[in-house]
Protein backbone atom coordinates (compact mmCIF):
# COMPACT_ATOMS: atom_id res chain seq x y z
CA MET A 1 118.67 105.92 87.51
CA ALA A 2 119.49 109.59 88.03
CA ASP A 3 120.35 110.65 91.57
CA GLU A 4 117.32 112.93 91.84
CA LYS A 5 115.07 109.92 91.19
CA ARG A 6 116.92 107.51 93.46
CA PRO A 7 114.61 106.69 96.37
CA THR A 8 115.83 107.71 99.80
CA ILE A 9 114.80 107.46 103.43
CA LYS A 10 115.59 109.89 106.23
CA GLY A 11 118.57 109.10 108.44
CA ILE A 12 116.49 109.04 111.62
CA PHE A 13 114.82 105.85 110.38
CA VAL A 14 118.15 104.24 109.43
CA LYS A 15 119.44 105.10 112.88
CA SER A 16 116.55 103.11 114.40
CA HIS A 17 118.09 99.92 112.95
CA ILE A 18 121.50 100.71 114.46
CA LYS A 19 119.83 101.52 117.78
CA ALA A 20 118.08 98.12 117.74
CA VAL A 21 121.42 96.37 117.26
CA PHE A 22 122.91 98.40 120.12
CA GLN A 23 120.01 97.57 122.44
CA LYS A 24 120.22 93.82 121.80
CA ALA A 25 123.91 93.23 120.99
CA GLY A 26 125.63 96.22 122.61
CA LYS A 27 128.57 98.20 121.36
CA GLU A 28 130.15 95.00 120.02
CA GLY A 29 127.09 94.37 117.86
CA VAL A 30 127.27 97.85 116.37
CA GLU A 31 130.98 97.44 115.73
CA LEU A 32 130.27 94.15 113.96
CA LEU A 33 127.50 95.82 111.95
CA GLN A 34 129.87 98.59 110.84
CA LYS A 35 132.54 96.04 109.93
CA LYS A 36 130.07 93.99 107.85
CA TYR A 37 128.60 97.14 106.27
CA GLY A 38 132.06 98.47 105.43
CA LYS A 39 131.09 102.12 105.76
CA SER A 40 130.35 104.63 108.49
CA LEU A 41 127.11 104.17 110.38
CA GLN A 42 126.93 107.86 111.26
CA PHE A 43 123.77 109.39 109.78
CA ARG A 44 122.15 112.75 110.48
CA ASN A 45 118.44 112.58 111.29
CA SER A 46 117.44 114.64 108.24
CA GLU A 47 120.00 113.09 105.87
CA SER A 48 118.58 111.43 102.76
CA VAL A 49 120.02 107.91 102.71
CA PRO A 50 119.62 105.73 99.59
CA ILE A 51 117.11 102.98 100.33
CA ARG A 52 119.48 100.34 98.96
CA GLU A 53 121.90 101.31 101.78
CA GLU A 54 119.15 101.00 104.37
CA VAL A 55 118.27 97.54 103.02
CA LYS A 56 121.89 96.43 103.48
CA ILE A 57 121.93 97.74 107.06
CA ILE A 58 118.63 96.04 107.95
CA GLU A 59 119.66 92.70 106.49
CA LEU A 60 123.06 92.84 108.22
CA SER A 61 121.28 93.81 111.46
CA LEU A 62 119.06 90.75 111.08
CA ASP A 63 122.19 88.59 110.68
CA ILE A 64 123.52 89.97 113.97
CA LEU A 65 120.27 89.90 115.92
CA GLU A 66 119.07 86.51 114.66
CA PRO A 67 122.21 84.62 113.52
CA ASP A 68 120.40 81.27 113.30
CA PHE A 69 117.52 82.56 111.14
CA THR A 70 116.94 80.33 108.10
CA GLY A 71 113.65 81.60 106.62
CA ASN A 72 112.92 84.28 104.02
CA LYS A 73 115.50 86.91 104.97
CA LYS A 74 113.98 89.68 102.83
CA PHE A 75 110.51 89.20 104.40
CA GLU A 76 111.97 88.96 107.92
CA ALA A 77 114.05 92.10 107.30
CA GLY A 78 110.80 93.91 106.51
CA ARG A 79 109.32 92.73 109.80
CA LEU A 80 112.42 93.97 111.63
CA HIS A 81 112.13 97.26 109.71
CA PHE A 82 108.62 97.79 111.09
CA ARG A 83 109.63 96.91 114.66
CA ASN A 84 112.47 99.42 114.46
CA PHE A 85 110.23 102.06 112.84
CA ALA A 86 107.79 101.59 115.73
CA THR A 87 110.43 103.04 118.09
CA THR A 88 110.73 106.35 116.20
CA PRO A 89 109.07 109.66 117.14
CA LEU A 90 107.03 109.66 113.89
CA ALA A 91 105.65 106.21 114.68
CA ASN A 92 104.60 107.40 118.14
CA ILE A 93 102.68 110.27 116.54
CA ILE A 94 101.07 108.01 113.92
CA PHE A 95 100.08 105.35 116.42
CA SER A 96 98.61 107.89 118.83
CA ALA A 97 96.67 109.63 116.04
CA PHE A 98 95.28 106.50 114.42
CA LYS A 99 95.20 104.33 117.53
CA LYS A 100 95.39 100.80 116.15
CA ASN A 101 93.10 101.31 113.15
CA PHE A 102 95.14 99.36 110.61
CA LYS A 103 92.89 100.15 107.66
CA LEU A 104 92.96 103.88 108.29
CA MET A 105 96.76 103.79 108.60
CA MET A 106 97.09 101.89 105.33
CA MET A 107 94.70 104.25 103.59
CA GLN A 108 96.90 107.11 104.84
CA SER A 109 100.14 105.43 103.72
CA PRO A 110 100.79 108.02 100.96
CA ASN A 111 100.73 110.77 103.62
CA ILE A 112 102.77 108.78 106.13
CA ALA A 113 105.34 107.79 103.48
CA GLY A 114 105.78 111.43 102.52
CA HIS A 115 107.40 112.02 105.93
CA VAL A 116 109.70 109.01 105.62
CA PHE A 117 110.73 108.65 101.97
CA GLN A 118 111.73 110.79 99.05
CA GLY A 119 111.08 109.57 95.53
CA VAL A 120 108.89 106.61 96.52
CA ARG A 121 105.24 106.84 95.53
CA PHE A 122 102.46 105.14 97.50
CA VAL A 123 98.83 104.75 96.43
CA SER A 124 96.17 103.17 98.65
CA GLU A 125 92.96 101.55 97.45
CA ASP A 126 90.04 100.51 99.64
CA LEU A 127 89.11 96.89 98.81
CA GLY A 128 86.30 96.52 101.30
CA GLU A 129 85.71 96.41 105.02
CA LYS A 130 88.79 94.31 105.85
CA ALA A 131 91.07 94.73 102.85
CA VAL A 132 93.39 97.37 101.43
CA LYS A 133 95.73 97.49 98.47
CA VAL A 134 98.89 99.58 98.68
CA ILE A 135 100.93 100.20 95.55
CA MET A 136 104.56 101.28 95.86
CA GLU A 137 106.52 102.67 92.95
CA ASN A 138 110.17 103.64 92.52
CA ASN A 139 111.78 101.93 95.46
CA ASP A 140 114.84 99.77 96.04
CA TYR A 141 113.29 97.36 98.51
CA PRO A 142 112.91 93.72 97.48
CA ILE A 143 109.20 92.94 97.02
CA GLU A 144 109.21 90.67 100.08
CA HIS A 145 110.53 93.46 102.31
CA PHE A 146 107.31 95.47 102.48
CA GLY A 147 105.33 92.23 102.54
CA GLY A 148 107.06 91.58 105.87
CA LEU A 149 106.70 95.20 107.01
CA PHE A 150 102.96 95.31 106.31
CA TYR A 151 102.49 91.86 107.89
CA GLU A 152 104.26 92.96 111.08
CA TRP A 153 102.24 96.20 111.13
CA MET A 154 99.04 94.16 110.85
CA LEU A 155 100.11 92.00 113.82
CA PHE A 156 101.06 95.11 115.80
CA ALA A 157 97.57 96.51 115.19
CA GLY A 158 96.08 93.29 116.58
CA TYR A 159 94.84 91.69 113.35
CA GLU A 160 95.40 88.26 111.85
CA GLY A 161 95.58 88.26 108.10
CA THR A 162 97.59 87.92 104.94
CA VAL A 163 99.69 90.10 102.69
CA GLU A 164 99.74 89.16 99.00
CA GLN A 165 102.67 90.61 97.05
CA GLN A 166 102.51 91.32 93.30
CA SER A 167 105.12 92.77 90.99
CA ILE A 168 103.21 95.00 88.56
CA GLY A 169 106.18 96.67 86.86
CA SER A 170 109.95 96.90 86.99
CA ASP A 171 109.88 99.01 90.16
CA LYS A 172 106.19 98.84 91.08
CA TYR A 173 104.71 96.48 93.67
CA ALA A 174 101.19 95.91 94.91
CA TYR A 175 100.41 94.60 98.39
CA ILE A 176 96.91 93.30 99.08
CA MET A 177 96.22 93.06 102.79
CA LYS A 178 93.24 91.15 104.14
CA TRP A 179 92.42 90.51 107.78
CA LYS A 180 89.77 88.94 110.01
């Protein structure tokens, strides 16, 4: 994949994962994260970081924050991703603008994603009163990652429901979210 097509995320969002490790495991936790990652954890807020690097950092953060976790690590990393995203300035703006209207937020995911990612395409489809389909294309997240992220977002918004994950191409995933 050419560099101009490689999906990236802004550094401010990657920094939220490092901040979460610091808040729960202190300086020692961040030092352990850097040792396990094997590279510098210094990112500028506006820096475009390859998504595959963010995935490594989130999964290593999960290892540090929940060392005894034995479930689906990729799904749980997505849940952690959302919880960390929720601490960012953009999340505060989104949550205050949309309150806790999960459907409206998911229908606006292409607009929201435009402020977070480069090279990742989102499409939202209305599937009825309590259901939405979000299609992601050209990303380096495992399919389960955004399944976990959307699930955690749904819980955050106060809804019980499910997230069905479908691979619909080599780098194209569909997530069907239904809630009560």
